[in-house]
Protein backbone atom coordinates (compact mmCIF):
# COMPACT_ATOMS: atom_id res chain seq x y z
CA UNK A 1 0.00 0.00 0.00
CA UNK A 2 1.38 3.34 -1.11
CA UNK A 3 1.37 6.11 1.49
CA UNK A 4 1.01 9.79 0.46
CA UNK A 5 2.67 12.37 2.63
CA UNK A 6 2.07 16.13 2.51
CA UNK A 7 5.09 18.34 2.60
CA UNK A 8 5.13 21.55 4.60
CA UNK A 9 4.68 23.54 1.37
CA UNK A 10 1.67 21.38 0.42
CA UNK A 11 0.08 22.06 3.78
CA UNK A 12 0.68 25.81 3.38
CA UNK A 13 -0.94 25.76 -0.08
CA UNK A 14 -3.94 23.80 1.23
CA UNK A 15 -4.39 26.18 4.16
CA UNK A 16 -4.14 29.20 1.86
CA UNK A 17 -6.79 27.79 -0.48
CA UNK A 18 -9.13 27.08 2.41
CA UNK A 19 -8.60 30.57 3.78
CA UNK A 20 -9.40 32.13 0.39
CA UNK A 21 -12.55 30.05 0.02
CA UNK A 22 -13.71 30.98 3.48
CA UNK A 23 -12.91 34.64 2.81
CA UNK A 24 -14.90 34.57 -0.44
CA UNK A 25 -17.87 32.94 1.29
CA UNK A 26 -17.70 35.49 4.08
CA UNK A 27 -17.55 38.27 1.49
CA UNK A 28 -20.63 36.97 -0.28
CA UNK A 29 -22.53 36.81 3.00
CA UNK A 30 -21.31 40.27 3.93
CA UNK A 31 -22.36 41.76 0.60
CA UNK A 32 -25.76 40.11 0.85
CA UNK A 33 -26.30 41.45 4.33
CA UNK A 34 -24.99 44.87 3.33
CA UNK A 35 -27.31 44.98 0.34
CA UNK A 36 -30.26 44.16 2.52
CA UNK A 37 -29.25 46.82 4.99
CA UNK A 38 -28.75 49.65 2.48
CA UNK A 39 -31.93 49.44 0.40
CA UNK A 40 -33.27 52.46 2.27
CA UNK A 41 -29.98 54.28 1.73
CA UNK A 42 -30.28 53.63 -2.02
CA UNK A 43 -33.77 55.09 -2.18
CA UNK A 44 -32.64 58.08 -0.15
CA UNK A 45 -29.75 58.67 -2.54
CA UNK A 46 -32.12 58.36 -5.49
CA UNK A 47 -34.53 60.85 -3.95
CA UNK A 48 -31.70 63.31 -3.37
CA UNK A 49 -30.47 62.88 -6.94
CA UNK A 50 -33.95 63.64 -8.29
CA UNK A 51 -34.21 66.78 -6.15
CA UNK A 52 -30.70 67.94 -7.05
CA UNK A 53 -31.27 67.55 -10.77
CA UNK A 54 -34.64 69.31 -10.80
CA UNK A 55 -33.82 72.21 -8.50
CA UNK A 56 -30.03 72.38 -8.37
CA UNK A 57 -30.22 72.49 -4.57
CA UNK A 58 -30.16 69.82 -1.83
CA UNK A 59 -33.50 68.96 -0.21
CA UNK A 60 -34.32 69.53 3.42
CA UNK A 61 -34.52 66.40 5.58
CA UNK A 62 -38.32 66.61 5.75
CA UNK A 63 -38.67 66.90 1.97
CA UNK A 64 -36.22 64.06 1.48
CA UNK A 65 -38.26 61.88 3.83
CA UNK A 66 -41.44 62.49 1.82
CA UNK A 67 -39.69 61.86 -1.48
CA UNK A 68 -38.11 58.66 -0.19
CA UNK A 69 -41.50 57.37 0.95
CA UNK A 70 -42.90 57.83 -2.59
CA UNK A 71 -40.02 56.22 -4.46
CA UNK A 72 -40.92 52.53 -4.22
CA UNK A 73 -44.36 52.98 -5.74
CA UNK A 74 -44.23 56.19 -7.77
CA UNK A 75 -40.87 57.85 -8.52
CA UNK A 76 -42.57 60.55 -10.60
CA UNK A 77 -44.65 61.51 -7.56
CA UNK A 78 -41.42 61.88 -5.61
CA UNK A 79 -40.14 64.19 -8.35
CA UNK A 80 -43.31 66.27 -8.13
CA UNK A 81 -42.54 66.91 -4.45
CA UNK A 82 -39.26 68.46 -5.55
CA UNK A 83 -41.03 70.58 -8.16
CA UNK A 84 -44.15 71.67 -6.32
CA UNK A 85 -43.78 70.74 -2.69
CA UNK A 86 -45.90 71.01 -0.66
CA UNK A 87 -43.77 72.79 1.91
CA UNK A 88 -40.59 72.51 -0.11
CA UNK A 89 -38.71 75.79 0.32
CA UNK A 90 -36.45 74.94 -2.62
CA UNK A 91 -39.17 74.30 -5.20
CA UNK A 92 -38.81 77.89 -6.38
CA UNK A 93 -35.38 77.08 -7.84
CA UNK A 94 -37.00 74.72 -10.34
CA UNK A 95 -38.90 77.72 -11.72
CA UNK A 96 -36.46 80.58 -11.08
CA UNK A 97 -33.33 78.75 -12.22
CA UNK A 98 -33.93 75.41 -13.95
CA UNK A 99 -36.81 76.55 -16.16
CA UNK A 100 -35.35 79.99 -16.73
CA UNK A 101 -32.13 78.47 -18.03
CA UNK A 102 -34.10 75.84 -19.95
CA UNK A 103 -36.07 78.42 -21.97
CA UNK A 104 -33.65 81.34 -22.29
CA UNK A 105 -31.68 79.97 -25.29
CA UNK A 106 -34.92 79.93 -27.31
CA UNK A 107 -35.26 83.69 -26.98
CA UNK A 108 -32.15 84.91 -28.80
CA UNK A 109 -30.26 84.23 -32.01
CA UNK A 110 -27.05 83.25 -30.21
CA UNK A 111 -29.00 80.66 -28.21
CA UNK A 112 -27.26 81.97 -25.13
CA UNK A 113 -28.42 81.14 -21.62
CA UNK A 114 -26.86 84.37 -20.35
CA UNK A 115 -29.85 86.63 -20.99
CA UNK A 116 -32.19 88.29 -18.47
CA UNK A 117 -35.67 87.04 -17.74
CA UNK A 118 -38.12 88.32 -20.35
CA UNK A 119 -41.75 87.89 -21.39
CA UNK A 120 -40.94 84.80 -23.48
CA UNK A 121 -39.17 82.92 -20.67
CA UNK A 122 -41.68 84.07 -18.03
CA UNK A 123 -44.52 82.76 -20.19
CA UNK A 124 -42.82 79.38 -20.61
CA UNK A 125 -42.25 79.20 -16.84
CA UNK A 126 -45.86 80.11 -16.07
CA UNK A 127 -47.32 77.67 -18.58
CA UNK A 128 -45.28 74.79 -17.16
CA UNK A 129 -46.10 75.76 -13.57
CA UNK A 130 -49.83 76.01 -14.24
CA UNK A 131 -49.99 72.95 -16.51
CA UNK A 132 -51.25 74.97 -19.46
CA UNK A 133 -51.19 72.46 -22.36
CA UNK A 134 -47.79 72.99 -23.92
CA UNK A 135 -49.03 72.53 -27.48
CA UNK A 136 -50.54 76.02 -27.04
CA UNK A 137 -47.05 77.50 -26.74
CA UNK A 138 -47.06 78.82 -30.32
CA UNK A 139 -50.68 79.90 -30.61
CA UNK A 140 -52.32 80.97 -27.34
CA UNK A 141 -53.32 84.51 -26.39
CA UNK A 142 -51.26 84.21 -23.23
CA UNK A 143 -48.66 86.17 -21.31
CA UNK A 144 -47.24 85.94 -17.79
CA UNK A 145 -46.42 89.11 -15.88
CA UNK A 146 -45.49 89.98 -12.34
CA UNK A 147 -48.35 90.84 -10.02
CA UNK A 148 -48.86 94.50 -9.19
CA UNK A 149 -47.09 96.18 -6.26
CA UNK A 150 -44.18 93.73 -5.98
CA UNK A 151 -41.37 95.52 -4.10
CA UNK A 152 -38.68 96.87 -6.42
CA UNK A 153 -40.47 95.73 -9.59
CA UNK A 154 -41.45 98.31 -12.19
CA UNK A 155 -44.77 98.09 -14.01
CA UNK A 156 -45.11 95.94 -17.12
CA UNK A 157 -44.34 97.73 -20.37
CA UNK A 158 -44.77 96.47 -23.92
CA UNK A 159 -41.85 98.72 -24.94
CA UNK A 160 -39.03 97.46 -22.74
CA UNK A 161 -37.90 94.53 -20.59
CA UNK A 162 -37.40 96.35 -17.28
CA UNK A 163 -40.36 94.67 -15.59
CA UNK A 164 -38.89 91.20 -16.09
CA UNK A 165 -35.34 92.28 -15.31
CA UNK A 166 -36.66 93.60 -11.98
CA UNK A 167 -38.48 90.32 -11.26
CA UNK A 168 -35.18 88.52 -11.67
CA UNK A 169 -32.97 91.00 -9.82
CA UNK A 170 -35.37 91.08 -6.86
CA UNK A 171 -35.44 87.27 -6.71
CA UNK A 172 -39.23 87.12 -6.92
CA UNK A 173 -40.44 83.55 -6.35
CA UNK A 174 -41.91 82.54 -9.72
CA UNK A 175 -43.33 79.32 -8.30
CA UNK A 176 -45.93 81.39 -6.43
CA UNK A 177 -49.06 82.06 -8.55
CA UNK A 178 -49.56 85.23 -6.53
CA UNK A 179 -46.29 86.65 -7.92
CA UNK A 180 -46.38 85.56 -11.57
CA UNK A 181 -49.86 85.77 -13.04
CA UNK A 182 -51.43 84.81 -16.36
CA UNK A 183 -52.98 87.53 -18.52
CA UNK A 184 -53.91 87.79 -22.18
CA UNK A 185 -51.21 88.98 -24.50
CA UNK A 186 -53.77 91.00 -26.45
CA UNK A 187 -54.58 93.07 -23.35
CA UNK A 188 -50.95 94.13 -22.92
CA UNK A 189 -49.34 94.61 -26.33
CA UNK A 190 -52.16 95.98 -28.49
CA UNK A 191 -52.35 92.90 -30.72
CA UNK A 192 -55.83 91.63 -31.56
CA UNK A 193 -56.41 88.23 -30.00
CA UNK A 194 -56.47 86.47 -33.37
CA UNK A 195 -52.99 87.87 -34.11
CA UNK A 196 -51.39 86.50 -30.93
CA UNK A 197 -49.32 83.38 -31.38
CA UNK A 198 -48.00 82.40 -27.97
CA UNK A 199 -44.32 83.03 -27.42
CA UNK A 200 -43.76 83.88 -31.10
CA UNK A 201 -45.49 87.22 -30.64
CA UNK A 202 -43.91 88.12 -27.29
CA UNK A 203 -41.76 91.22 -27.20
CA UNK A 204 -38.56 89.21 -26.67
CA UNK A 205 -39.19 86.93 -29.65
CA UNK A 206 -40.15 89.89 -31.83
CA UNK A 207 -37.01 91.79 -30.90
CA UNK A 208 -34.85 88.78 -31.70
CA UNK A 209 -36.54 87.34 -34.79
CA UNK A 210 -38.88 89.93 -36.40
CA UNK A 211 -36.29 92.69 -36.38
CA UNK A 212 -35.08 93.67 -39.88
CA UNK A 213 -34.51 90.69 -42.17
CA UNK A 214 -37.43 88.99 -43.92
CA UNK A 215 -39.17 87.26 -40.97
CA UNK A 216 -37.69 83.94 -42.07
CA UNK A 217 -35.63 84.07 -38.87
CA UNK A 218 -38.77 83.70 -36.77
CA UNK A 219 -39.71 80.58 -38.64
CA UNK A 220 -36.21 79.12 -38.70
CA UNK A 221 -35.59 79.59 -34.97
CA UNK A 222 -39.06 78.31 -34.09
CA UNK A 223 -38.30 75.15 -36.06
CA UNK A 224 -34.89 74.86 -34.43
CA UNK A 225 -36.06 75.50 -30.88
CA UNK A 226 -39.41 73.71 -30.91
CA UNK A 227 -39.21 70.99 -33.54
CA UNK A 228 -35.44 70.40 -33.09
CA UNK A 229 -34.84 70.67 -36.83
CA UNK A 230 -32.82 73.32 -38.60
CA UNK A 231 -33.39 74.09 -42.27
CA UNK A 232 -30.67 71.74 -43.51
CA UNK A 233 -32.37 68.85 -41.75
CA UNK A 234 -35.70 69.42 -43.50
CA UNK A 235 -34.30 70.27 -46.92
CA UNK A 236 -36.38 68.64 -49.64
CA UNK A 237 -35.76 69.57 -53.27
CA UNK A 238 -38.83 67.64 -54.45
CA UNK A 239 -41.38 70.25 -53.28
CA UNK A 240 -42.63 72.83 -55.82
CA UNK A 241 -40.81 76.21 -55.73
CA UNK A 242 -43.84 78.33 -56.65
CA UNK A 243 -43.99 80.23 -53.31
CA UNK A 244 -40.31 81.21 -53.11
CA UNK A 245 -40.06 85.00 -52.93
CA UNK A 246 -38.36 87.33 -55.39
CA UNK A 247 -35.43 88.06 -53.09
CA UNK A 248 -34.00 84.54 -53.51
CA UNK A 249 -31.67 84.41 -56.51
CA UNK A 250 -32.26 81.46 -58.81
CA UNK A 251 -28.62 81.62 -59.95
CA UNK A 252 -26.50 82.50 -56.89
CA UNK A 253 -23.02 83.32 -58.07
CA UNK A 254 -24.26 82.82 -61.62
CA UNK A 255 -24.76 79.08 -61.13
CA UNK A 256 -28.38 77.87 -61.15
CA UNK A 257 -27.30 74.45 -59.90
CA UNK A 258 -26.63 75.95 -56.46
CA UNK A 259 -30.28 76.99 -56.28
CA UNK A 260 -31.71 73.77 -57.73
CA UNK A 261 -29.63 71.46 -55.54
CA UNK A 262 -29.49 73.57 -52.40
CA UNK A 263 -31.47 76.76 -51.80
CA UNK A 264 -34.72 75.46 -53.22
CA UNK A 265 -34.81 72.58 -50.75
CA UNK A 266 -35.21 74.95 -47.79
CA UNK A 267 -37.14 77.84 -49.31
CA UNK A 268 -39.83 75.75 -51.03
CA UNK A 269 -41.13 74.63 -47.62
CA UNK A 270 -40.10 77.57 -45.45
CA UNK A 271 -41.44 80.45 -47.55
CA UNK A 272 -45.05 79.18 -47.77
CA UNK A 273 -45.08 78.71 -43.97
CA UNK A 274 -43.24 81.93 -43.07
CA UNK A 275 -45.86 83.84 -45.07
CA UNK A 276 -47.94 83.56 -41.87
CA UNK A 277 -45.77 86.39 -40.45
CA UNK A 278 -46.42 88.77 -43.37
CA UNK A 279 -48.10 91.41 -41.17
CA UNK A 280 -45.51 91.45 -38.35
CA UNK A 281 -42.45 93.54 -37.65
CA UNK A 282 -40.47 94.91 -34.72
CA UNK A 283 -40.04 98.65 -34.30
CA UNK A 284 -36.66 99.42 -32.79
CA UNK A 285 -37.63 103.00 -31.99
CA UNK A 286 -40.70 102.14 -29.94
CA UNK A 287 -39.35 98.77 -28.79
CA UNK A 288 -42.62 97.06 -29.69
CA UNK A 289 -43.99 94.35 -31.93
CA UNK A 290 -45.84 95.81 -34.91
CA UNK A 291 -48.89 94.25 -36.55
CA UNK A 292 -50.47 95.64 -39.73
CA UNK A 293 -53.55 93.54 -40.60
CA UNK A 294 -54.19 93.39 -44.33
CA UNK A 295 -50.91 95.14 -45.12
CA UNK A 296 -47.87 93.06 -46.01
CA UNK A 297 -44.68 94.33 -44.40
CA UNK A 298 -42.25 95.86 -46.94
CA UNK A 299 -39.56 93.37 -45.91
CA UNK A 300 -41.52 90.67 -47.78
CA UNK A 301 -41.08 92.58 -51.01
CA UNK A 302 -37.43 93.59 -50.88
CA UNK A 303 -34.81 92.74 -53.51
CA UNK A 304 -37.47 92.03 -56.11
CA UNK A 305 -34.90 92.28 -58.89
CA UNK A 306 -33.04 89.19 -57.65
CA UNK A 307 -35.70 87.18 -59.49
CA UNK A 308 -38.59 89.30 -60.70
CA UNK A 309 -40.64 86.22 -61.62
CA UNK A 310 -40.57 85.00 -58.03
CA UNK A 311 -43.51 84.96 -55.64
CA UNK A 312 -44.98 88.31 -54.56
CA UNK A 313 -46.54 87.98 -51.10
CA UNK A 314 -50.16 89.24 -51.19
CA UNK A 315 -51.31 88.36 -47.65
CA UNK A 316 -50.58 86.14 -44.63
CA UNK A 317 -51.99 82.91 -46.09
CA UNK A 318 -49.74 79.92 -45.40
CA UNK A 319 -49.52 76.33 -46.63
CA UNK A 320 -47.53 73.39 -45.33
CA UNK A 321 -45.85 71.77 -48.34
CA UNK A 322 -44.03 69.42 -45.96
CA UNK A 323 -47.16 67.37 -45.30
CA UNK A 324 -46.06 65.41 -48.38
CA UNK A 325 -42.63 64.00 -49.15
CA UNK A 326 -39.93 63.04 -46.62
CA UNK A 327 -40.96 65.71 -44.10
CA UNK A 328 -44.30 63.98 -43.60
CA UNK A 329 -42.18 62.05 -41.06
CA UNK A 330 -42.40 65.10 -38.79
CA UNK A 331 -45.84 63.74 -37.92
CA UNK A 332 -48.33 66.44 -38.85
CA UNK A 333 -51.73 66.30 -37.14
CA UNK A 334 -54.27 64.81 -39.56
CA UNK A 335 -57.02 66.69 -37.74
CA UNK A 336 -55.64 70.03 -38.91
CA UNK A 337 -56.03 71.30 -42.50
CA UNK A 338 -52.37 72.11 -43.14
CA UNK A 339 -53.27 75.55 -44.43
CA UNK A 340 -54.56 78.80 -42.96
CA UNK A 341 -53.97 82.49 -42.40
CA UNK A 342 -51.76 84.13 -39.83
CA UNK A 343 -49.27 83.12 -37.18
CA UNK A 344 -51.78 81.63 -34.73
CA UNK A 345 -53.01 78.84 -37.00
CA UNK A 346 -49.49 78.19 -38.29
CA UNK A 347 -48.29 77.87 -34.68
CA UNK A 348 -50.99 75.27 -34.08
CA UNK A 349 -49.75 73.36 -37.12
CA UNK A 350 -46.21 73.23 -35.75
CA UNK A 351 -47.06 72.56 -32.09
CA UNK A 352 -49.39 69.64 -32.77
CA UNK A 353 -46.80 67.71 -34.76
CA UNK A 354 -45.03 64.64 -33.43
CA UNK A 355 -41.74 66.46 -34.02
CA UNK A 356 -42.78 69.16 -31.55
CA UNK A 357 -43.57 66.57 -28.87
CA UNK A 358 -40.33 64.65 -29.47
CA UNK A 359 -38.36 67.87 -29.35
CA UNK A 360 -39.81 68.99 -26.01
CA UNK A 361 -39.26 65.57 -24.45
CA UNK A 362 -35.68 65.36 -25.69
CA UNK A 363 -34.84 68.84 -24.38
CA UNK A 364 -36.32 68.06 -20.98
CA UNK A 365 -34.50 64.73 -20.73
CA UNK A 366 -31.19 66.35 -21.67
CA UNK A 367 -31.76 69.09 -19.13
CA UNK A 368 -32.54 66.70 -16.29
CA UNK A 369 -30.53 63.60 -17.16
CA UNK A 370 -27.60 65.20 -18.99
CA UNK A 371 -27.93 62.85 -21.98
CA UNK A 372 -30.30 61.66 -24.66
CA UNK A 373 -33.16 59.25 -23.93
CA UNK A 374 -33.07 55.80 -25.51
CA UNK A 375 -35.88 54.90 -27.88
CA UNK A 376 -38.06 53.28 -25.22
CA UNK A 377 -37.68 56.23 -22.89
CA UNK A 378 -38.42 58.65 -25.74
CA UNK A 379 -41.55 56.79 -26.82
CA UNK A 380 -42.83 56.58 -23.24
CA UNK A 381 -42.25 60.25 -22.54
CA UNK A 382 -43.75 61.39 -25.87
CA UNK A 383 -46.89 59.35 -25.20
CA UNK A 384 -47.09 60.91 -21.73
CA UNK A 385 -46.73 64.43 -23.12
CA UNK A 386 -49.29 63.98 -25.88
CA UNK A 387 -51.82 62.61 -23.39
CA UNK A 388 -52.31 66.06 -21.86
CA UNK A 389 -49.33 68.20 -22.88
CA UNK A 390 -48.13 68.69 -19.30
CA UNK A 391 -44.44 69.48 -19.60
CA UNK A 392 -44.17 69.53 -15.81
CA UNK A 393 -45.05 65.83 -15.78
CA UNK A 394 -42.35 65.21 -18.39
CA UNK A 395 -39.77 66.83 -16.10
CA UNK A 396 -40.91 64.59 -13.24
CA UNK A 397 -40.97 61.43 -15.38
CA UNK A 398 -37.53 62.21 -16.84
CA UNK A 399 -36.04 62.67 -13.37
CA UNK A 400 -37.50 59.29 -12.40
CA UNK A 401 -35.97 57.69 -15.51
CA UNK A 402 -32.43 58.65 -14.52
CA UNK A 403 -32.55 58.56 -10.74
CA UNK A 404 -29.91 55.80 -10.75
CA UNK A 405 -29.54 52.45 -9.06
């Protein structure tokens, strides 16, 4: 019978292996117990992350307790506590800071966030706060102004921005409906109600996009800011060019191919839609939006010699040529006619498209989660928005989507 003897080195190796196995088993048990013991800590961290991302400030202990209690069943409800309280002293920062910075780039050509509060941004803030359906953004007769007699705040004026600059410099709490109130735009800026078109006819938007030029800037930046498509992205050379104005040369630089393969693809869709702004201008001297019903602004008729056979704008009638062709993918509302007169009906056309809903959802998700949503997240959030057009709910749902594990 053969006997097997273990050397001292063999015994050391065996002992080491046993120690490692025992250590691994102990580690597994420890991790299991630790995981069980920190579930509440995880939810508390998630609640804090939601609050931080929505308001930019840490929550109080009491607010954090309420948010943590909501997380297991309804993370979006926890997010709503951060946004609207009740009894959350930091909710105001969602409105005064997060939403102000969210909307400010839409109000200027540089798309800069470093601009003062104005009537455009205040109206966006108020609509989100009050759950005004966001598909009315480009068409409603709506304006948000500071309530009367706020300390240090000058009276509203349709000719300058001092009222809104004062609201910001005085740190007025915009989450409080008693401070920022909804009025009709027509009652404050002398536009008839049927000529108001949401934020497009605010003073800030007019100063930025109706000033000088040909009013194509208003259309281009509205597409960029609210349908997330610039002109190059919607270029389609297959649409008829019959509504392209005289100021667009058909042979830029003496080469007609540049027009046929490039310029026409933007102007054939943009010009028939931008005709909705034919009666609008911005007066630098008075600092006000100008509206001349029945009278086309001279800017629509400039540079007629560039192509004298081009379209001469007779009125503010618009048509959406993009309902056919590749831009039908923008998802136009089949319940709307795709044609009309004036900025209000054209704003309804844009804001009831699928592209508008996708754009708002994507911007909110990027703002809250610092990245783009995946397709499932996008589809879920778009469906949520289109159910009632509450952008506040989209902020809450987005924060829940990226609260972390």
